[in-house]
Protein backbone atom coordinates (compact mmCIF):
# COMPACT_ATOMS: atom_id res chain seq x y z
CA UNK A 1 31.21 -114.48 90.61
CA UNK A 2 31.46 -118.59 90.06
CA UNK A 3 30.15 -120.40 87.10
CA UNK A 4 28.03 -123.43 87.54
CA UNK A 5 29.79 -126.81 86.81
CA UNK A 6 26.93 -127.53 83.95
CA UNK A 7 28.49 -124.38 82.26
CA UNK A 8 31.93 -125.25 82.21
CA UNK A 9 32.98 -126.42 78.51
CA UNK A 10 34.93 -129.62 78.51
CA UNK A 11 37.65 -130.60 76.19
CA UNK A 12 36.74 -132.47 73.18
CA UNK A 13 36.96 -136.42 73.93
CA UNK A 14 38.80 -137.63 70.83
CA UNK A 15 39.31 -141.14 72.31
CA UNK A 16 36.52 -142.99 70.50
CA UNK A 17 37.27 -141.00 67.22
CA UNK A 18 40.82 -141.93 67.59
CA UNK A 19 40.35 -145.39 68.27
CA UNK A 20 38.02 -145.73 65.27
CA UNK A 21 40.17 -143.97 62.72
CA UNK A 22 43.02 -145.85 63.73
CA UNK A 23 41.25 -149.27 63.61
CA UNK A 24 39.44 -148.44 60.35
CA UNK A 25 43.18 -148.02 58.72
CA UNK A 26 44.36 -151.30 60.33
CA UNK A 27 46.80 -149.51 62.34
CA UNK A 28 48.12 -151.04 65.77
CA UNK A 29 49.10 -148.69 68.59
CA UNK A 30 52.42 -149.23 67.89
CA UNK A 31 52.23 -148.41 64.31
CA UNK A 32 50.28 -145.16 65.07
CA UNK A 33 52.82 -144.37 67.82
CA UNK A 34 55.88 -144.69 65.50
CA UNK A 35 53.94 -142.34 62.72
CA UNK A 36 52.76 -139.78 65.05
CA UNK A 37 55.86 -139.73 67.59
CA UNK A 38 53.56 -139.98 70.52
CA UNK A 39 54.15 -142.71 73.01
CA UNK A 40 51.94 -145.90 72.96
CA UNK A 41 50.92 -145.33 76.67
CA UNK A 42 49.71 -141.87 75.77
CA UNK A 43 47.82 -143.07 72.87
CA UNK A 44 46.09 -145.58 75.27
CA UNK A 45 45.26 -143.02 77.65
CA UNK A 46 43.64 -140.88 75.13
CA UNK A 47 41.64 -143.74 73.69
CA UNK A 48 40.29 -144.70 77.09
CA UNK A 49 39.66 -141.01 77.70
CA UNK A 50 41.88 -140.93 80.50
CA UNK A 51 44.01 -138.05 79.08
CA UNK A 52 43.28 -135.26 76.98
CA UNK A 53 46.03 -134.29 74.63
CA UNK A 54 47.48 -131.13 73.53
CA UNK A 55 47.02 -129.12 70.54
CA UNK A 56 50.38 -130.26 69.16
CA UNK A 57 49.69 -133.78 70.04
CA UNK A 58 46.39 -133.87 67.97
CA UNK A 59 48.10 -132.22 65.13
CA UNK A 60 50.73 -135.09 65.08
CA UNK A 61 47.85 -137.44 65.45
CA UNK A 62 45.55 -135.93 62.55
CA UNK A 63 48.87 -136.13 60.10
CA UNK A 64 49.71 -139.62 61.03
CA UNK A 65 46.12 -140.58 60.32
CA UNK A 66 45.90 -138.43 57.28
CA UNK A 67 42.56 -136.68 58.52
CA UNK A 68 41.87 -133.05 59.17
CA UNK A 69 42.03 -131.77 62.58
CA UNK A 70 38.37 -131.09 62.71
CA UNK A 71 37.71 -134.90 62.18
CA UNK A 72 39.84 -135.98 64.99
CA UNK A 73 38.51 -133.17 67.24
CA UNK A 74 34.83 -133.59 66.35
CA UNK A 75 34.15 -136.83 64.97
CA UNK A 76 32.80 -135.68 61.91
CA UNK A 77 34.18 -135.90 58.55
CA UNK A 78 33.88 -132.85 56.35
CA UNK A 79 31.51 -133.74 53.44
CA UNK A 80 33.41 -134.74 50.39
CA UNK A 81 33.32 -132.69 47.30
CA UNK A 82 30.65 -134.12 44.55
CA UNK A 83 33.53 -134.15 42.46
CA UNK A 84 37.25 -134.22 43.42
CA UNK A 85 39.69 -132.89 40.74
CA UNK A 86 43.52 -133.39 40.86
CA UNK A 87 45.37 -130.84 38.85
CA UNK A 88 47.98 -132.31 36.45
CA UNK A 89 50.91 -131.04 38.04
CA UNK A 90 49.75 -132.41 41.59
CA UNK A 91 49.57 -136.01 40.01
CA UNK A 92 52.80 -137.63 41.29
CA UNK A 93 54.99 -139.52 39.31
CA UNK A 94 58.00 -141.94 39.38
CA UNK A 95 60.95 -142.66 36.65
CA UNK A 96 62.66 -145.92 36.21
CA UNK A 97 66.14 -146.12 36.95
CA UNK A 98 67.26 -145.55 33.35
CA UNK A 99 64.82 -142.42 33.05
CA UNK A 100 63.20 -143.99 30.17
CA UNK A 101 59.99 -145.19 31.75
CA UNK A 102 57.73 -142.64 33.48
CA UNK A 103 54.70 -143.81 35.76
CA UNK A 104 51.99 -141.13 36.71
CA UNK A 105 50.15 -142.38 39.96
CA UNK A 106 46.43 -141.77 38.99
CA UNK A 107 45.23 -143.74 41.94
CA UNK A 108 44.65 -142.38 45.37
CA UNK A 109 46.99 -142.92 47.74
CA UNK A 110 44.77 -144.57 50.40
CA UNK A 111 44.39 -147.43 47.81
CA UNK A 112 48.08 -148.02 47.49
CA UNK A 113 48.95 -151.73 48.29
CA UNK A 114 45.51 -152.82 47.40
CA UNK A 115 44.24 -151.57 43.77
CA UNK A 116 46.71 -149.19 42.03
CA UNK A 117 46.71 -147.42 38.52
CA UNK A 118 49.05 -145.67 36.31
CA UNK A 119 49.81 -143.89 33.09
CA UNK A 120 52.99 -145.65 31.58
CA UNK A 121 55.06 -144.00 29.16
CA UNK A 122 58.13 -145.83 27.75
CA UNK A 123 60.51 -144.48 25.57
CA UNK A 124 62.34 -146.59 22.92
CA UNK A 125 64.61 -149.02 24.56
CA UNK A 126 63.06 -148.46 27.67
CA UNK A 127 62.15 -151.27 30.48
CA UNK A 128 60.35 -151.14 33.55
CA UNK A 129 61.59 -154.15 35.40
CA UNK A 130 59.75 -155.25 38.67
CA UNK A 131 60.56 -157.80 41.29
CA UNK A 132 57.85 -160.23 42.45
CA UNK A 133 54.48 -158.75 44.11
CA UNK A 134 52.57 -160.64 46.89
CA UNK A 135 51.42 -164.23 45.67
CA UNK A 136 48.09 -163.83 43.77
CA UNK A 137 48.90 -159.92 42.40
CA UNK A 138 47.80 -159.30 38.92
CA UNK A 139 48.68 -156.71 36.58
CA UNK A 140 46.55 -155.53 33.33
CA UNK A 141 48.34 -153.47 30.78
CA UNK A 142 46.23 -151.88 27.89
CA UNK A 143 48.51 -150.16 25.46
CA UNK A 144 47.23 -146.69 24.28
CA UNK A 145 49.74 -145.98 21.54
CA UNK A 146 52.96 -147.84 20.23
CA UNK A 147 53.68 -151.37 21.37
CA UNK A 148 54.95 -152.86 24.34
CA UNK A 149 56.49 -156.21 25.23
CA UNK A 150 55.50 -157.81 28.70
CA UNK A 151 57.34 -160.62 30.09
CA UNK A 152 56.12 -162.64 33.12
CA UNK A 153 56.20 -166.03 34.21
CA UNK A 154 58.86 -166.93 31.80
CA UNK A 155 56.61 -165.95 28.74
CA UNK A 156 56.72 -162.62 26.58
CA UNK A 157 54.22 -161.07 24.54
CA UNK A 158 53.88 -158.04 22.33
CA UNK A 159 50.88 -155.60 22.61
CA UNK A 160 50.07 -153.12 20.35
CA UNK A 161 47.75 -149.95 20.57
CA UNK A 162 44.22 -151.12 21.78
CA UNK A 163 45.49 -154.55 23.14
CA UNK A 164 45.40 -155.67 26.91
CA UNK A 165 47.40 -158.21 28.71
CA UNK A 166 46.59 -159.61 32.06
CA UNK A 167 49.49 -161.43 33.96
CA UNK A 168 50.39 -162.97 37.26
CA UNK A 169 53.01 -160.63 38.98
CA UNK A 170 54.14 -162.99 41.81
CA UNK A 171 57.39 -163.57 40.04
CA UNK A 172 59.83 -160.91 38.57
CA UNK A 173 58.23 -159.08 35.38
CA UNK A 174 59.01 -156.43 33.01
CA UNK A 175 57.35 -154.23 30.51
CA UNK A 176 59.78 -153.24 27.67
CA UNK A 177 59.74 -150.92 24.48
CA UNK A 178 61.74 -152.57 21.99
CA UNK A 179 60.21 -150.00 19.19
CA UNK A 180 61.79 -146.95 17.80
CA UNK A 181 58.74 -144.66 18.95
CA UNK A 182 57.41 -143.88 22.27
CA UNK A 183 54.59 -145.92 23.75
CA UNK A 184 51.65 -145.18 26.49
CA UNK A 185 49.82 -147.53 28.57
CA UNK A 186 47.60 -147.62 31.34
CA UNK A 187 48.93 -150.11 34.04
CA UNK A 188 46.48 -151.44 36.79
CA UNK A 189 47.83 -153.41 39.80
CA UNK A 190 45.67 -155.71 41.69
CA UNK A 191 47.38 -156.87 44.72
CA UNK A 192 45.97 -159.99 46.82
């Protein structure tokens, strides 16, 4: 018994979806190739629907693009939950080299490099010293408790609880706790 050609299932064509996802993230074929470990020529063939990728290749591409397999295969995004919750233990954090400053990364990873916000805790004597960001970048520091000193553009200002400082960060800058008690703040970084 033969199956009519019209009844044969074809593999999903991921080319257009792959290209749209790659372009939406501003990735070149070279960058996606490097991230996924798939050759540039293979990526080009997949995008032009001249090659059907293996499951392993689709899996690597989905991981490199940070999307679900179903999104790449079906071209449909799963519905986002009405409220997305991130558990406290799942919120990543960074510490300064001296261990006296902790930054809890509150913003989603897909906004990194554009718009970032952090919960900053600085122990007495701690300093968060930063190199210059891109020209036009700014930080907004709102002190929640304690007092913090901000240094930017050759100037320094002490902020008390409830105060906010907004300053350019296209040069070296620092946030210090010169008091004898812990300080906490919200830090927002706007990249140019």
